[in-house]
C-alpha atoms as a PDB file:
ATOM      1  CA  MET A   1     104.245 122.329 164.519  1.00  0.00           C
ATOM      2  CA  LYS A   2     106.811 123.572 162.019  1.00  0.00           C
ATOM      3  CA  VAL A   3     106.826 120.152 160.370  1.00  0.00           C
ATOM      4  CA  TYR A   4     103.049 120.233 159.831  1.00  0.00           C
ATOM      5  CA  ILE A   5     103.186 123.746 158.418  1.00  0.00           C
ATOM      6  CA  PHE A   6     105.999 122.720 156.091  1.00  0.00           C
ATOM      7  CA  ILE A   7     103.995 119.720 154.831  1.00  0.00           C
ATOM      8  CA  ILE A   8     100.923 121.878 154.251  1.00  0.00           C
ATOM      9  CA  LEU A   9     102.946 124.435 152.293  1.00  0.00           C
ATOM     10  CA  ILE A  10     104.529 121.728 150.155  1.00  0.00           C
ATOM     11  CA  SER A  11     101.093 120.220 149.468  1.00  0.00           C
ATOM     12  CA  LEU A  12      99.706 123.587 148.412  1.00  0.00           C
ATOM     13  CA  GLN A  13     102.681 124.177 146.144  1.00  0.00           C
ATOM     14  CA  LEU A  14     102.295 120.797 144.517  1.00  0.00           C
ATOM     15  CA  PHE A  15      98.581 121.378 144.060  1.00  0.00           C
ATOM     16  CA  GLY A  16      99.304 124.683 142.392  1.00  0.00           C
ATOM     17  CA  LEU A  17     101.890 123.156 140.090  1.00  0.00           C
ATOM     18  CA  ASN A  18      99.830 120.165 138.989  1.00  0.00           C
ATOM     19  CA  SER A  19      96.370 121.725 138.796  1.00  0.00           C
ATOM     20  CA  ILE A  20      95.030 123.597 135.787  1.00  0.00           C
ATOM     21  CA  ASN A  21      93.126 126.744 134.935  1.00  0.00           C
ATOM     22  CA  VAL A  22      90.204 126.614 132.514  1.00  0.00           C
ATOM     23  CA  ASP A  23      89.450 129.710 130.459  1.00  0.00           C
ATOM     24  CA  CYS A  24      85.773 129.628 129.445  1.00  0.00           C
ATOM     25  CA  ASN A  25      83.880 131.257 126.623  1.00  0.00           C
ATOM     26  CA  PHE A  26      80.449 131.393 128.270  1.00  0.00           C
ATOM     27  CA  ASN A  27      77.608 131.350 125.746  1.00  0.00           C
ATOM     28  CA  SER A  28      74.143 130.034 125.000  1.00  0.00           C
ATOM     29  CA  ASN A  29      74.814 128.673 121.523  1.00  0.00           C
ATOM     30  CA  TRP A  30      72.521 126.144 119.902  1.00  0.00           C
ATOM     31  CA  ASP A  31      73.603 122.567 120.517  1.00  0.00           C
ATOM     32  CA  TYR A  32      72.916 120.257 117.586  1.00  0.00           C
ATOM     33  CA  MET A  33      73.151 117.189 119.825  1.00  0.00           C
ATOM     34  CA  VAL A  34      70.580 118.256 122.439  1.00  0.00           C
ATOM     35  CA  LEU A  35      68.644 120.430 119.954  1.00  0.00           C
ATOM     36  CA  HIS A  36      68.240 123.482 122.165  1.00  0.00           C
ATOM     37  CA  ARG A  37      70.276 126.323 123.612  1.00  0.00           C
ATOM     38  CA  ILE A  38      72.238 125.623 126.754  1.00  0.00           C
ATOM     39  CA  TYR A  39      74.365 128.006 128.800  1.00  0.00           C
ATOM     40  CA  ARG A  40      77.825 126.506 128.740  1.00  0.00           C
ATOM     41  CA  CYS A  41      81.540 126.865 129.206  1.00  0.00           C
ATOM     42  CA  GLU A  42      83.415 126.297 125.951  1.00  0.00           C
ATOM     43  CA  VAL A  43      87.068 125.748 126.836  1.00  0.00           C
ATOM     44  CA  GLU A  44      89.272 128.240 125.009  1.00  0.00           C
ATOM     45  CA  ASN A  45      92.748 127.765 126.434  1.00  0.00           C
ATOM     46  CA  HIS A  46      95.141 124.881 125.881  1.00  0.00           C
ATOM     47  CA  LEU A  47      94.760 122.094 128.441  1.00  0.00           C
ATOM     48  CA  ASP A  48      97.563 119.671 129.147  1.00  0.00           C
ATOM     49  CA  ILE A  49      96.203 116.822 131.283  1.00  0.00           C
ATOM     50  CA  THR A  50      98.779 114.078 130.804  1.00  0.00           C
ATOM     51  CA  SER A  51      98.616 112.419 134.226  1.00  0.00           C
ATOM     52  CA  PRO A  52      96.051 111.953 137.017  1.00  0.00           C
ATOM     53  CA  ASP A  53      98.031 114.449 139.093  1.00  0.00           C
ATOM     54  CA  SER A  54      97.534 117.162 136.485  1.00  0.00           C
ATOM     55  CA  ALA A  55      93.771 116.635 136.098  1.00  0.00           C
ATOM     56  CA  ALA A  56      92.608 118.815 139.007  1.00  0.00           C
ATOM     57  CA  ILE A  57      90.991 122.119 138.022  1.00  0.00           C
ATOM     58  CA  LYS A  58      92.338 124.980 140.147  1.00  0.00           C
ATOM     59  CA  SER A  59      90.340 127.878 138.734  1.00  0.00           C
ATOM     60  CA  ILE A  60      87.811 128.948 136.126  1.00  0.00           C
ATOM     61  CA  THR A  61      88.061 132.255 134.271  1.00  0.00           C
ATOM     62  CA  GLY A  62      85.776 133.937 131.750  1.00  0.00           C
ATOM     63  CA  TYR A  63      83.041 136.587 131.497  1.00  0.00           C
ATOM     64  CA  HIS A  64      79.454 135.567 132.218  1.00  0.00           C
ATOM     65  CA  TRP A  65      76.515 136.856 130.215  1.00  0.00           C
ATOM     66  CA  ASN A  66      73.742 139.022 131.697  1.00  0.00           C
ATOM     67  CA  TRP A  67      74.676 138.745 135.347  1.00  0.00           C
ATOM     68  CA  ARG A  68      74.835 134.982 135.238  1.00  0.00           C
ATOM     69  CA  SER A  69      77.188 132.940 137.414  1.00  0.00           C
ATOM     70  CA  ASN A  70      78.813 129.503 137.562  1.00  0.00           C
ATOM     71  CA  ASP A  71      75.596 128.186 139.113  1.00  0.00           C
ATOM     72  CA  ASP A  72      73.806 128.889 135.816  1.00  0.00           C
ATOM     73  CA  VAL A  73      76.272 126.871 133.738  1.00  0.00           C
ATOM     74  CA  GLU A  74      74.683 123.644 132.468  1.00  0.00           C
ATOM     75  CA  GLY A  75      77.238 122.606 129.861  1.00  0.00           C
ATOM     76  CA  PHE A  76      80.982 121.932 129.686  1.00  0.00           C
ATOM     77  CA  ASP A  77      82.400 121.677 126.157  1.00  0.00           C
ATOM     78  CA  SER A  78      86.057 120.884 125.347  1.00  0.00           C
ATOM     79  CA  ARG A  79      87.425 120.168 121.861  1.00  0.00           C
ATOM     80  CA  HIS A  80      90.868 119.337 120.502  1.00  0.00           C
ATOM     81  CA  LYS A  81      92.662 119.572 123.857  1.00  0.00           C
ATOM     82  CA  ASN A  82      95.472 117.396 125.188  1.00  0.00           C
ATOM     83  CA  ILE A  83      93.255 115.621 127.729  1.00  0.00           C
ATOM     84  CA  ASN A  84      94.386 112.110 128.674  1.00  0.00           C
ATOM     85  CA  TYR A  85      92.360 111.962 131.889  1.00  0.00           C
ATOM     86  CA  PHE A  86      88.889 113.156 132.818  1.00  0.00           C
ATOM     87  CA  PRO A  87      89.115 116.599 134.493  1.00  0.00           C
ATOM     88  CA  GLN A  88      88.717 116.493 138.282  1.00  0.00           C
ATOM     89  CA  ARG A  89      87.032 119.045 140.606  1.00  0.00           C
ATOM     90  CA  LEU A  90      84.853 120.241 137.726  1.00  0.00           C
ATOM     91  CA  ASP A  91      81.820 119.955 140.020  1.00  0.00           C
ATOM     92  CA  LYS A  92      83.399 122.423 142.473  1.00  0.00           C
ATOM     93  CA  PHE A  93      82.846 125.166 139.898  1.00  0.00           C
ATOM     94  CA  PHE A  94      79.895 123.861 137.883  1.00  0.00           C
ATOM     95  CA  GLY A  95      77.587 121.935 140.195  1.00  0.00           C
ATOM     96  CA  ASN A  96      74.552 121.889 137.884  1.00  0.00           C
ATOM     97  CA  LEU A  97      75.980 120.376 134.713  1.00  0.00           C
ATOM     98  CA  LYS A  98      73.519 118.636 132.414  1.00  0.00           C
ATOM     99  CA  LEU A  99      75.899 118.339 129.466  1.00  0.00           C
ATOM    100  CA  ILE A 100      79.536 117.219 129.448  1.00  0.00           C
ATOM    101  CA  ALA A 101      81.227 116.998 126.055  1.00  0.00           C
ATOM    102  CA  ILE A 102      84.922 116.284 125.560  1.00  0.00           C
ATOM    103  CA  TYR A 103      85.679 115.845 121.854  1.00  0.00           C
ATOM    104  CA  TYR A 104      88.991 114.927 120.224  1.00  0.00           C
ATOM    105  CA  GLY A 105      90.910 114.260 123.419  1.00  0.00           C
ATOM    106  CA  ARG A 106      93.042 111.256 124.338  1.00  0.00           C
ATOM    107  CA  ILE A 107      91.025 109.862 127.223  1.00  0.00           C
ATOM    108  CA  LYS A 108      91.541 106.105 127.584  1.00  0.00           C
ATOM    109  CA  GLU A 109      89.512 105.473 130.740  1.00  0.00           C
ATOM    110  CA  ILE A 110      86.306 106.792 132.262  1.00  0.00           C
ATOM    111  CA  HIS A 111      85.232 105.767 135.756  1.00  0.00           C
ATOM    112  CA  GLN A 112      82.131 105.926 137.924  1.00  0.00           C
ATOM    113  CA  SER A 113      83.982 108.254 140.294  1.00  0.00           C
ATOM    114  CA  ASP A 114      84.458 110.735 137.423  1.00  0.00           C
ATOM    115  CA  LEU A 115      80.705 111.042 136.845  1.00  0.00           C
ATOM    116  CA  LYS A 116      79.374 110.597 140.387  1.00  0.00           C
ATOM    117  CA  PRO A 117      79.468 114.372 141.136  1.00  0.00           C
ATOM    118  CA  PHE A 118      76.967 115.060 138.308  1.00  0.00           C
ATOM    119  CA  PRO A 119      73.538 113.631 139.284  1.00  0.00           C
ATOM    120  CA  LYS A 120      71.761 116.088 136.954  1.00  0.00           C
ATOM    121  CA  LEU A 121      73.727 114.928 133.899  1.00  0.00           C
ATOM    122  CA  VAL A 122      71.458 114.482 130.856  1.00  0.00           C
ATOM    123  CA  ASN A 123      73.938 114.191 127.981  1.00  0.00           C
ATOM    124  CA  PHE A 124      77.475 112.799 128.095  1.00  0.00           C
ATOM    125  CA  TYR A 125      79.708 112.847 125.013  1.00  0.00           C
ATOM    126  CA  LEU A 126      83.277 111.556 124.658  1.00  0.00           C
ATOM    127  CA  ASP A 127      83.606 111.449 120.867  1.00  0.00           C
ATOM    128  CA  ASN A 128      86.982 110.794 119.222  1.00  0.00           C
ATOM    129  CA  ASN A 129      88.857 109.634 122.306  1.00  0.00           C
ATOM    130  CA  ASP A 130      90.598 106.311 123.050  1.00  0.00           C
ATOM    131  CA  ILE A 131      88.079 104.610 125.349  1.00  0.00           C
ATOM    132  CA  GLU A 132      88.288 100.795 125.216  1.00  0.00           C
ATOM    133  CA  THR A 133      86.086  99.743 128.156  1.00  0.00           C
ATOM    134  CA  LEU A 134      82.839 100.933 129.764  1.00  0.00           C
ATOM    135  CA  GLU A 135      83.093  99.579 133.296  1.00  0.00           C
ATOM    136  CA  PRO A 136      80.342  98.181 135.559  1.00  0.00           C
ATOM    137  CA  GLY A 137      78.373 100.847 137.405  1.00  0.00           C
ATOM    138  CA  LEU A 138      79.698 103.650 135.201  1.00  0.00           C
ATOM    139  CA  PHE A 139      76.377 105.572 135.162  1.00  0.00           C
ATOM    140  CA  ASP A 140      74.986 104.484 138.542  1.00  0.00           C
ATOM    141  CA  PHE A 141      74.816 108.080 139.781  1.00  0.00           C
ATOM    142  CA  ASN A 142      73.476 109.588 136.540  1.00  0.00           C
ATOM    143  CA  PRO A 143      69.859 108.345 136.347  1.00  0.00           C
ATOM    144  CA  ASN A 144      68.681 111.254 134.168  1.00  0.00           C
ATOM    145  CA  LEU A 145      70.858 110.434 131.163  1.00  0.00           C
ATOM    146  CA  GLU A 146      69.047 110.764 127.843  1.00  0.00           C
ATOM    147  CA  GLY A 147      72.045 110.691 125.519  1.00  0.00           C
ATOM    148  CA  VAL A 148      75.514 109.112 125.545  1.00  0.00           C
ATOM    149  CA  SER A 149      78.069 109.222 122.766  1.00  0.00           C
ATOM    150  CA  PHE A 150      81.329 107.343 122.321  1.00  0.00           C
ATOM    151  CA  LEU A 151      81.701 107.918 118.580  1.00  0.00           C
ATOM    152  CA  ALA A 152      85.074 106.988 117.094  1.00  0.00           C
ATOM    153  CA  ASN A 153      86.643 105.480 120.206  1.00  0.00           C
ATOM    154  CA  LYS A 154      88.202 101.998 120.530  1.00  0.00           C
ATOM    155  CA  LEU A 155      85.465 100.177 122.412  1.00  0.00           C
ATOM    156  CA  ILE A 156      86.021  96.435 122.756  1.00  0.00           C
ATOM    157  CA  LYS A 157      84.190  95.824 126.022  1.00  0.00           C
ATOM    158  CA  ILE A 158      80.921  97.244 127.397  1.00  0.00           C
ATOM    159  CA  ASP A 159      79.485  96.023 130.680  1.00  0.00           C
ATOM    160  CA  SER A 160      76.095  94.445 130.042  1.00  0.00           C
ATOM    161  CA  THR A 161      74.301  96.184 132.932  1.00  0.00           C
ATOM    162  CA  ILE A 162      75.418  99.821 132.883  1.00  0.00           C
ATOM    163  CA  PHE A 163      72.363 101.032 130.921  1.00  0.00           C
ATOM    164  CA  ASP A 164      69.684  98.953 132.660  1.00  0.00           C
ATOM    165  CA  HIS A 165      68.518 101.717 135.032  1.00  0.00           C
ATOM    166  CA  LEU A 166      68.618 104.541 132.454  1.00  0.00           C
ATOM    167  CA  VAL A 167      64.901 104.602 131.596  1.00  0.00           C
ATOM    168  CA  LYS A 168      65.152 107.961 129.782  1.00  0.00           C
ATOM    169  CA  LEU A 169      68.018 106.957 127.483  1.00  0.00           C
ATOM    170  CA  GLN A 170      67.009 107.541 123.859  1.00  0.00           C
ATOM    171  CA  ASN A 171      70.169 108.689 122.071  1.00  0.00           C
ATOM    172  CA  ILE A 172      73.181 106.381 121.775  1.00  0.00           C
ATOM    173  CA  TRP A 173      76.149 106.892 119.471  1.00  0.00           C
ATOM    174  CA  PHE A 174      78.531 103.925 119.254  1.00  0.00           C
ATOM    175  CA  GLY A 175      79.596 104.474 115.623  1.00  0.00           C
ATOM    176  CA  GLU A 176      83.150 103.737 114.427  1.00  0.00           C
ATOM    177  CA  ASN A 177      84.191 101.532 117.346  1.00  0.00           C
ATOM    178  CA  LEU A 178      85.869  98.121 117.279  1.00  0.00           C
ATOM    179  CA  CYS A 179      83.196  95.883 118.777  1.00  0.00           C
ATOM    180  CA  ILE A 180      80.145  97.875 117.651  1.00  0.00           C
ATOM    181  CA  SER A 181      79.269 100.637 115.190  1.00  0.00           C
ATOM    182  CA  THR A 182      75.643 101.643 115.694  1.00  0.00           C
ATOM    183  CA  ASN A 183      73.841 104.924 116.374  1.00  0.00           C
ATOM    184  CA  VAL A 184      70.245 105.655 117.330  1.00  0.00           C
ATOM    185  CA  THR A 185      68.421 108.905 118.111  1.00  0.00           C
ATOM    186  CA  ASP A 186      65.121 109.972 119.677  1.00  0.00           C
ATOM    187  CA  SER A 187      63.827 106.510 120.478  1.00  0.00           C
ATOM    188  CA  ILE A 188      63.862 104.744 123.830  1.00  0.00           C
ATOM    189  CA  ALA A 189      62.779 101.488 122.151  1.00  0.00           C
ATOM    190  CA  SER A 190      65.569 101.667 119.554  1.00  0.00           C
ATOM    191  CA  ALA A 191      68.061 102.538 122.283  1.00  0.00           C
ATOM    192  CA  ARG A 192      67.074  99.328 124.080  1.00  0.00           C
ATOM    193  CA  ASN A 193      67.860  97.389 120.893  1.00  0.00           C
ATOM    194  CA  VAL A 194      71.299  99.001 120.637  1.00  0.00           C
ATOM    195  CA  ILE A 195      71.958  98.096 124.264  1.00  0.00           C
ATOM    196  CA  LYS A 196      70.978  94.505 123.500  1.00  0.00           C
ATOM    197  CA  GLN A 197      73.344  94.533 120.505  1.00  0.00           C
ATOM    198  CA  ALA A 198      76.163  95.880 122.677  1.00  0.00           C
ATOM    199  CA  LYS A 199      75.610  93.045 125.142  1.00  0.00           C
ATOM    200  CA  GLN A 200      76.011  90.529 122.314  1.00  0.00           C
ATOM    201  CA  LEU A 201      79.000  92.112 120.563  1.00  0.00           C
ATOM    202  CA  CYS A 202      80.887  93.678 123.462  1.00  0.00           C
ATOM    203  CA  SER A 203      79.991  91.319 126.274  1.00  0.00           C
ATOM    204  CA  SER A 204      81.505  92.019 129.650  1.00  0.00           C
ATOM    205  CA  GLU A 205      81.237  88.325 130.448  1.00  0.00           C
ATOM    206  CA  ALA A 206      84.729  88.005 128.999  1.00  0.00           C
ATOM    207  CA  PRO A 207      87.539  88.564 131.542  1.00  0.00           C
ATOM    208  CA  GLY A 208      88.097  92.272 132.092  1.00  0.00           C
ATOM    209  CA  PRO A 209      91.344  94.210 132.477  1.00  0.00           C
ATOM    210  CA  ASP A 210      91.227  93.727 136.265  1.00  0.00           C
ATOM    211  CA  SER A 211      90.822  89.938 136.055  1.00  0.00           C
ATOM    212  CA  LYS A 212      93.871  87.770 136.841  1.00  0.00           C
ATOM    213  CA  ASP A 213      92.916  85.458 133.982  1.00  0.00           C
ATOM    214  CA  CYS A 214      93.007  88.380 131.607  1.00  0.00           C
ATOM    215  CA  VAL A 215      96.579  89.537 132.063  1.00  0.00           C
ATOM    216  CA  ASP A 216      97.947  87.617 129.084  1.00  0.00           C
ATOM    217  CA  SER A 217      94.789  86.945 127.085  1.00  0.00           C
ATOM    218  CA  CYS A 218      93.592  90.570 127.110  1.00  0.00           C
ATOM    219  CA  ASP A 219      97.040  91.807 126.152  1.00  0.00           C
ATOM    220  CA  PHE A 220      97.021  89.336 123.286  1.00  0.00           C
ATOM    221  CA  GLN A 221      93.539  90.399 122.221  1.00  0.00           C
ATOM    222  CA  ASN A 222      94.462  94.089 122.403  1.00  0.00           C
ATOM    223  CA  ARG A 223      97.566  93.533 120.254  1.00  0.00           C
ATOM    224  CA  ILE A 224      95.486  91.848 117.586  1.00  0.00           C
ATOM    225  CA  THR A 225      92.796  94.527 117.762  1.00  0.00           C
ATOM    226  CA  GLU A 226      95.421  97.265 117.450  1.00  0.00           C
ATOM    227  CA  SER A 227      97.082  95.538 114.500  1.00  0.00           C
ATOM    228  CA  VAL A 228      93.854  95.074 112.572  1.00  0.00           C
ATOM    229  CA  ALA A 229      92.676  98.580 113.459  1.00  0.00           C
ATOM    230  CA  VAL A 230      95.862 100.127 112.058  1.00  0.00           C
ATOM    231  CA  GLY A 231      95.421  98.190 108.834  1.00  0.00           C
ATOM    232  CA  PHE A 232      91.773  99.212 108.729  1.00  0.00           C
ATOM    233  CA  LYS A 233      92.714 102.895 109.063  1.00  0.00           C
ATOM    234  CA  THR A 234      95.302 102.527 106.292  1.00  0.00           C
ATOM    235  CA  ILE A 235      92.773 100.999 103.917  1.00  0.00           C
ATOM    236  CA  ILE A 236      90.175 103.689 104.587  1.00  0.00           C
ATOM    237  CA  THR A 237      92.795 106.412 104.106  1.00  0.00           C
ATOM    238  CA  ASN A 238      93.760 104.873 100.767  1.00  0.00           C
ATOM    239  CA  VAL A 239      90.143 104.775  99.649  1.00  0.00           C
ATOM    240  CA  ASP A 240      89.592 108.387 100.747  1.00  0.00           C
ATOM    241  CA  ASN A 241      92.644 109.426  98.722  1.00  0.00           C
ATOM    242  CA  LEU A 242      91.334 107.399  95.803  1.00  0.00           C
ATOM    243  CA  GLN A 243      87.978 109.130  95.926  1.00  0.00           C
ATOM    244  CA  ALA A 244      89.568 112.583  96.254  1.00  0.00           C
ATOM    245  CA  SER A 245      91.813 111.912  93.251  1.00  0.00           C
ATOM    246  CA  PHE A 246      88.881 110.638  91.263  1.00  0.00           C
ATOM    247  CA  GLU A 247      86.747 113.680  92.045  1.00  0.00           C
ATOM    248  CA  GLU A 248      89.645 115.904  90.989  1.00  0.00           C
ATOM    249  CA  GLN A 249      89.994 114.005  87.720  1.00  0.00           C
ATOM    250  CA  LYS A 250      86.255 114.179  87.157  1.00  0.00           C
ATOM    251  CA  SER A 251      86.119 117.942  87.807  1.00  0.00           C
ATOM    252  CA  SER A 252      88.888 118.474  85.248  1.00  0.00           C
ATOM    253  CA  LYS A 253      86.643 116.719  82.686  1.00  0.00           C
ATOM    254  CA  SER A 254      89.274 114.189  81.763  1.00  0.00           C
ATOM    255  CA  GLU A 255      88.392 112.120  78.706  1.00  0.00           C
ATOM    256  CA  ASN A 256      90.237 109.001  79.850  1.00  0.00           C
ATOM    257  CA  TRP A 257      88.310 108.460  83.120  1.00  0.00           C
ATOM    258  CA  GLN A 258      87.469 104.859  82.188  1.00  0.00           C
ATOM    259  CA  THR A 259      91.151 103.933  81.949  1.00  0.00           C
ATOM    260  CA  ILE A 260      91.881 105.799  85.162  1.00  0.00           C
ATOM    261  CA  LEU A 261      89.050 104.048  86.992  1.00  0.00           C
ATOM    262  CA  LYS A 262      90.326 100.662  85.808  1.00  0.00           C
ATOM    263  CA  ASP A 263      93.858 101.466  86.989  1.00  0.00           C
ATOM    264  CA  TRP A 264      92.578 102.653  90.355  1.00  0.00           C
ATOM    265  CA  SER A 265      90.443  99.560  90.805  1.00  0.00           C
ATOM    266  CA  GLU A 266      93.432  97.312  90.128  1.00  0.00           C
ATOM    267  CA  ASP A 267      95.540  99.355  92.536  1.00  0.00           C
ATOM    268  CA  LEU A 268      92.861  99.043  95.206  1.00  0.00           C
ATOM    269  CA  ASP A 269      92.685  95.277  94.716  1.00  0.00           C
ATOM    270  CA  GLU A 270      96.454  95.058  95.178  1.00  0.00           C
ATOM    271  CA  ARG A 271      96.297  97.134  98.365  1.00  0.00           C
ATOM    272  CA  LEU A 272      93.516  94.977  99.793  1.00  0.00           C
ATOM    273  CA  GLU A 273      95.366  91.771  98.972  1.00  0.00           C
ATOM    274  CA  SER A 274      98.559  93.136 100.523  1.00  0.00           C
ATOM    275  CA  TYR A 275      96.698  94.170 103.676  1.00  0.00           C
ATOM    276  CA  GLU A 276      95.014  90.774 103.918  1.00  0.00           C
ATOM    277  CA  ASN A 277      98.349  88.966 103.641  1.00  0.00           C
ATOM    278  CA  LYS A 278     100.020  91.219 106.222  1.00  0.00           C
ATOM    279  CA  THR A 279      97.120  90.808 108.633  1.00  0.00           C
ATOM    280  CA  LYS A 280      97.170  87.024 108.273  1.00  0.00           C
ATOM    281  CA  THR A 281     100.935  86.951 108.852  1.00  0.00           C
ATOM    282  CA  GLN A 282     100.570  89.089 111.964  1.00  0.00           C
ATOM    283  CA  LEU A 283      97.716  86.971 113.297  1.00  0.00           C
ATOM    284  CA  ASP A 284      99.711  83.785 112.699  1.00  0.00           C
ATOM    285  CA  LYS A 285     102.655  85.283 114.571  1.00  0.00           C
ATOM    286  CA  PHE A 286     100.493  86.290 117.526  1.00  0.00           C
ATOM    287  CA  GLU A 287      98.820  82.899 117.649  1.00  0.00           C
ATOM    288  CA  LYS A 288     102.141  81.044 117.780  1.00  0.00           C
ATOM    289  CA  GLU A 289     103.409  83.318 120.555  1.00  0.00           C
ATOM    290  CA  PHE A 290     100.283  82.868 122.572  1.00  0.00           C
ATOM    291  CA  GLU A 291     100.040  79.115 122.059  1.00  0.00           C
ATOM    292  CA  ALA A 292     103.513  78.699 123.511  1.00  0.00           C
ATOM    293  CA  SER A 293     102.615  80.522 126.741  1.00  0.00           C
ATOM    294  CA  GLN A 294      98.883  80.024 127.298  1.00  0.00           C
ATOM    295  CA  ASN A 295      97.574  76.764 125.828  1.00  0.00           C
ATOM    296  CA  LYS A 296      94.921  76.466 128.513  1.00  0.00           C
ATOM    297  CA  ILE A 297      92.934  79.454 127.199  1.00  0.00           C
ATOM    298  CA  LEU A 298      93.748  79.148 123.506  1.00  0.00           C
ATOM    299  CA  THR A 299      90.229  78.095 122.595  1.00  0.00           C
ATOM    300  CA  THR A 300      88.697  81.188 124.174  1.00  0.00           C
ATOM    301  CA  VAL A 301      91.217  83.474 122.519  1.00  0.00           C
ATOM    302  CA  ASP A 302      90.698  81.874 119.108  1.00  0.00           C
ATOM    303  CA  GLU A 303      87.003  82.635 119.413  1.00  0.00           C
ATOM    304  CA  LYS A 304      87.788  86.248 120.263  1.00  0.00           C
ATOM    305  CA  ILE A 305      90.221  86.531 117.347  1.00  0.00           C
ATOM    306  CA  SER A 306      87.628  85.162 114.969  1.00  0.00           C
ATOM    307  CA  ALA A 307      84.955  87.517 116.275  1.00  0.00           C
ATOM    308  CA  ILE A 308      87.225  90.562 116.122  1.00  0.00           C
ATOM    309  CA  GLU A 309      88.522  89.725 112.655  1.00  0.00           C
ATOM    310  CA  SER A 310      85.036  88.987 111.342  1.00  0.00           C
ATOM    311  CA  ARG A 311      83.557  92.230 112.642  1.00  0.00           C
ATOM    312  CA  LEU A 312      86.415  94.431 111.471  1.00  0.00           C
ATOM    313  CA  VAL A 313      86.742  92.845 108.036  1.00  0.00           C
ATOM    314  CA  GLY A 314      82.978  93.135 107.626  1.00  0.00           C
ATOM    315  CA  ARG A 315      83.167  96.791 108.581  1.00  0.00           C
ATOM    316  CA  ILE A 316      86.011  97.382 106.121  1.00  0.00           C
ATOM    317  CA  GLU A 317      84.024  95.784 103.311  1.00  0.00           C
ATOM    318  CA  GLN A 318      80.968  97.852 104.188  1.00  0.00           C
ATOM    319  CA  ILE A 319      82.854 101.149 104.094  1.00  0.00           C
ATOM    320  CA  LEU A 320      84.680 100.208 100.902  1.00  0.00           C
ATOM    321  CA  ASP A 321      81.380  99.324  99.232  1.00  0.00           C
ATOM    322  CA  GLU A 322      79.842 102.626 100.302  1.00  0.00           C
ATOM    323  CA  LYS A 323      82.770 104.715  99.103  1.00  0.00           C
ATOM    324  CA  LEU A 324      83.190 102.884  95.795  1.00  0.00           C
ATOM    325  CA  LYS A 325      79.450 103.102  95.172  1.00  0.00           C
ATOM    326  CA  LYS A 326      79.688 106.893  95.546  1.00  0.00           C
ATOM    327  CA  ILE A 327      82.361 106.944  92.848  1.00  0.00           C
ATOM    328  CA  TYR A 328      80.235 104.890  90.483  1.00  0.00           C
ATOM    329  CA  ASP A 329      77.141 106.970  91.284  1.00  0.00           C
ATOM    330  CA  ALA A 330      79.097 110.112  90.452  1.00  0.00           C
ATOM    331  CA  LEU A 331      79.767 108.706  86.992  1.00  0.00           C
ATOM    332  CA  ASN A 332      76.247 107.360  86.539  1.00  0.00           C
ATOM    333  CA  LEU A 333      77.732 103.869  86.205  1.00  0.00           C
ATOM    334  CA  THR A 334      75.533 102.220  88.845  1.00  0.00           C
ATOM    335  CA  ASN A 335      73.540  99.385  87.360  1.00  0.00           C
END
């Protein structure tokens, strides 16, 4: 009997140590994503969810408006918190959630089990996280979804069937991802087209992270994706700095803007050429490593490399064109 009591006490202590408290600012602010007011919990305190063991919510604190209670809360909104894993036991406090939004976290995985407790969920947003895969059956228990957003994640794989049963889905934000960058709002028909595009560009027919055949090939693909993505971010940062410098020069009414623009253009060309050479060198290195260990699936991997490189380079060119066009438009130099 003493042994059982001891085990129970230890378990309770561990639960208390690893679980978290959420301090809520309860309000009914206007939500620009759902376009109406929704009574929600906006997380105010620092959250530190760095392991699955630390993801369990122990308590909720905060002052409700006008005699309301946790049962009236329909939204959970967290921004800029150290969240690596989806919070657990959230449904124990807020059982009627229609909106879950976790922005600027570090979540890498989202599972069906995370969302199963929320059958009333209408809008689900995980913008600016590190999600790479949307797994089969992810939304099986969320049939009322009208909007999903994975803006600015690292999506490379989306299961082709996860949206098939979501007949109300009309808002999808996939912008700034690796395999797709498309957004659509207020249109079920357009949402269907985005889903079709996701099936083509982010097909789950390729071996997934849990497949035995994927152990080496997926690691190889992820290394390439990461390498190109880092270069992509560097280029965009350079262009942003270029534009900021140019706007500053323009606002100071400099008389030598033509010379400056020419110098900047040459500098940008050099940066692009340098990035292209570095990327090619890195890709060549990866290909040689992989060929030595996995000749049997080299053809499949080459196709993936080509697809990834083509999409990302195309995206880089698109953003560069847009940003440089803004500079020229600002100077009335557009033909």
